[in-house]
Amino acid sequence: MARIEPVLLGNVYDVMRRCGNPSCHCATQPGHRQTLWIFTEKGRRRCKFIRRQDAEWVKRAWRRYRDCRKALREIRAINQRELALLRAQIHNRRVRYE
């Protein structure tokens, strides 16, 4: 997470797609592989197909985003464990006033 490199928020998938040309092989067989980016913009879900020449850097940026999310989940889990320990210590050190 310390690296200053761009990240791509959302999800990236490789999908099989038909080009629409009736004489192409994809009209009868599995289509062409294309990269799809799914993201949220102004609260709405959006999809965008990625150009072939951009697919590799888009996937790298998305993997960095995925790694950042994983690191944040791990930090959150550590934080929850620390909070539980601190609460237990406070609970054990409490005194009663009557």
C-alpha atoms as a PDB file:
ATOM      1  CA  MET A   1       0.000   0.000   0.000  1.00  0.00           C
ATOM      2  CA  ALA A   2       2.954   2.317   0.434  1.00  0.00           C
ATOM      3  CA  ARG A   3       3.675   2.424  -3.294  1.00  0.00           C
ATOM      4  CA  ILE A   4       2.365   5.458  -5.133  1.00  0.00           C
ATOM      5  CA  GLU A   5       0.872   3.735  -8.151  1.00  0.00           C
ATOM      6  CA  PRO A   6      -2.579   4.154  -9.667  1.00  0.00           C
ATOM      7  CA  VAL A   7      -5.402   1.841  -8.690  1.00  0.00           C
ATOM      8  CA  LEU A   8      -8.622   1.115 -10.564  1.00  0.00           C
ATOM      9  CA  LEU A   9     -11.718   0.953  -8.368  1.00  0.00           C
ATOM     10  CA  GLY A  10     -14.288  -1.639  -9.325  1.00  0.00           C
ATOM     11  CA  ASN A  11     -13.977  -5.127 -10.814  1.00  0.00           C
ATOM     12  CA  VAL A  12     -12.286  -6.323 -13.986  1.00  0.00           C
ATOM     13  CA  TYR A  13     -13.319  -9.449 -15.858  1.00  0.00           C
ATOM     14  CA  ASP A  14     -12.407 -11.175 -19.089  1.00  0.00           C
ATOM     15  CA  VAL A  15     -15.600 -12.023 -20.961  1.00  0.00           C
ATOM     16  CA  MET A  16     -16.433 -13.696 -24.259  1.00  0.00           C
ATOM     17  CA  ARG A  17     -18.291 -11.339 -26.583  1.00  0.00           C
ATOM     18  CA  ARG A  18     -19.712 -11.420 -30.094  1.00  0.00           C
ATOM     19  CA  CYS A  19     -18.657  -8.680 -32.490  1.00  0.00           C
ATOM     20  CA  GLY A  20     -21.880  -8.632 -34.519  1.00  0.00           C
ATOM     21  CA  ASN A  21     -20.292  -9.502 -37.870  1.00  0.00           C
ATOM     22  CA  PRO A  22     -22.413 -12.385 -39.283  1.00  0.00           C
ATOM     23  CA  SER A  23     -19.441 -13.863 -41.187  1.00  0.00           C
ATOM     24  CA  CYS A  24     -17.156 -13.900 -38.109  1.00  0.00           C
ATOM     25  CA  HIS A  25     -16.391 -17.128 -36.249  1.00  0.00           C
ATOM     26  CA  CYS A  26     -18.058 -15.702 -33.140  1.00  0.00           C
ATOM     27  CA  ALA A  27     -21.475 -15.959 -34.787  1.00  0.00           C
ATOM     28  CA  THR A  28     -21.428 -19.748 -34.289  1.00  0.00           C
ATOM     29  CA  GLN A  29     -18.556 -20.408 -31.865  1.00  0.00           C
ATOM     30  CA  PRO A  30     -17.421 -18.814 -28.610  1.00  0.00           C
ATOM     31  CA  GLY A  31     -16.819 -15.122 -29.099  1.00  0.00           C
ATOM     32  CA  HIS A  32     -13.838 -12.827 -28.749  1.00  0.00           C
ATOM     33  CA  ARG A  33     -12.173 -12.346 -25.378  1.00  0.00           C
ATOM     34  CA  GLN A  34     -12.582  -8.812 -24.100  1.00  0.00           C
ATOM     35  CA  THR A  35     -11.847  -7.090 -20.802  1.00  0.00           C
ATOM     36  CA  LEU A  36     -14.799  -5.581 -18.930  1.00  0.00           C
ATOM     37  CA  TRP A  37     -14.558  -3.016 -16.124  1.00  0.00           C
ATOM     38  CA  ILE A  38     -17.527  -2.712 -13.762  1.00  0.00           C
ATOM     39  CA  PHE A  39     -17.565   0.295 -11.434  1.00  0.00           C
ATOM     40  CA  THR A  40     -19.877   2.642  -9.545  1.00  0.00           C
ATOM     41  CA  GLU A  41     -20.328   6.242 -10.624  1.00  0.00           C
ATOM     42  CA  LYS A  42     -22.626   8.650  -8.775  1.00  0.00           C
ATOM     43  CA  GLY A  43     -24.295   5.721  -7.049  1.00  0.00           C
ATOM     44  CA  ARG A  44     -25.040   3.838 -10.276  1.00  0.00           C
ATOM     45  CA  ARG A  45     -23.375   0.711 -11.577  1.00  0.00           C
ATOM     46  CA  ARG A  46     -21.525   1.193 -14.867  1.00  0.00           C
ATOM     47  CA  CYS A  47     -19.779  -1.157 -17.308  1.00  0.00           C
ATOM     48  CA  LYS A  48     -17.066  -0.299 -19.763  1.00  0.00           C
ATOM     49  CA  PHE A  49     -15.210  -2.461 -22.261  1.00  0.00           C
ATOM     50  CA  ILE A  50     -11.458  -1.902 -22.257  1.00  0.00           C
ATOM     51  CA  ARG A  51      -9.375  -1.567 -25.423  1.00  0.00           C
ATOM     52  CA  ARG A  52      -6.977  -4.449 -26.026  1.00  0.00           C
ATOM     53  CA  GLN A  53      -3.910  -2.202 -25.830  1.00  0.00           C
ATOM     54  CA  ASP A  54      -5.035  -0.910 -22.404  1.00  0.00           C
ATOM     55  CA  ALA A  55      -6.106  -4.250 -20.931  1.00  0.00           C
ATOM     56  CA  GLU A  56      -2.773  -5.118 -19.303  1.00  0.00           C
ATOM     57  CA  TRP A  57      -2.262  -1.863 -17.389  1.00  0.00           C
ATOM     58  CA  VAL A  58      -5.959  -1.819 -16.397  1.00  0.00           C
ATOM     59  CA  LYS A  59      -5.594  -5.316 -14.925  1.00  0.00           C
ATOM     60  CA  ARG A  60      -2.426  -4.319 -13.052  1.00  0.00           C
ATOM     61  CA  ALA A  61      -4.143  -1.228 -11.599  1.00  0.00           C
ATOM     62  CA  TRP A  62      -7.148  -3.331 -10.615  1.00  0.00           C
ATOM     63  CA  ARG A  63      -4.903  -5.944  -8.917  1.00  0.00           C
ATOM     64  CA  ARG A  64      -3.295  -3.145  -6.888  1.00  0.00           C
ATOM     65  CA  TYR A  65      -6.788  -2.027  -5.822  1.00  0.00           C
ATOM     66  CA  ARG A  66      -7.675  -5.608  -4.887  1.00  0.00           C
ATOM     67  CA  ASP A  67      -4.447  -5.888  -2.854  1.00  0.00           C
ATOM     68  CA  CYS A  68      -5.211  -2.593  -1.076  1.00  0.00           C
ATOM     69  CA  ARG A  69      -8.682  -3.837  -0.158  1.00  0.00           C
ATOM     70  CA  LYS A  70      -7.194  -7.063   1.204  1.00  0.00           C
ATOM     71  CA  ALA A  71      -4.681  -5.089   3.282  1.00  0.00           C
ATOM     72  CA  LEU A  72      -7.482  -2.883   4.644  1.00  0.00           C
ATOM     73  CA  ARG A  73      -9.491  -5.966   5.650  1.00  0.00           C
ATOM     74  CA  GLU A  74      -6.450  -7.329   7.492  1.00  0.00           C
ATOM     75  CA  ILE A  75      -5.889  -3.990   9.251  1.00  0.00           C
ATOM     76  CA  ARG A  76      -9.571  -3.888  10.221  1.00  0.00           C
ATOM     77  CA  ALA A  77      -9.332  -7.408  11.697  1.00  0.00           C
ATOM     78  CA  ILE A  78      -6.226  -6.469  13.703  1.00  0.00           C
ATOM     79  CA  ASN A  79      -7.969  -3.325  14.918  1.00  0.00           C
ATOM     80  CA  GLN A  80     -11.011  -5.320  16.056  1.00  0.00           C
ATOM     81  CA  ARG A  81      -8.793  -7.728  18.017  1.00  0.00           C
ATOM     82  CA  GLU A  82      -6.964  -4.817  19.664  1.00  0.00           C
ATOM     83  CA  LEU A  83     -10.246  -3.158  20.605  1.00  0.00           C
ATOM     84  CA  ALA A  84     -11.485  -6.397  22.167  1.00  0.00           C
ATOM     85  CA  LEU A  85      -8.279  -6.656  24.223  1.00  0.00           C
ATOM     86  CA  LEU A  86      -8.522  -3.033  25.372  1.00  0.00           C
ATOM     87  CA  ARG A  87     -12.168  -3.444  26.340  1.00  0.00           C
ATOM     88  CA  ALA A  88     -11.279  -6.571  28.307  1.00  0.00           C
ATOM     89  CA  GLN A  89      -8.512  -4.688  30.146  1.00  0.00           C
ATOM     90  CA  ILE A  90     -10.861  -1.834  30.991  1.00  0.00           C
ATOM     91  CA  HIS A  91     -13.473  -4.307  32.172  1.00  0.00           C
ATOM     92  CA  ASN A  92     -10.932  -6.118  34.389  1.00  0.00           C
ATOM     93  CA  ARG A  93      -9.655  -2.891  35.962  1.00  0.00           C
ATOM     94  CA  ARG A  94     -13.017  -1.388  36.804  1.00  0.00           C
ATOM     95  CA  VAL A  95     -13.909  -0.594  40.382  1.00  0.00           C
ATOM     96  CA  ARG A  96     -17.286  -0.347  42.012  1.00  0.00           C
ATOM     97  CA  TYR A  97     -18.299   2.789  43.812  1.00  0.00           C
ATOM     98  CA  GLU A  98     -21.026   2.577  46.381  1.00  0.00           C
END
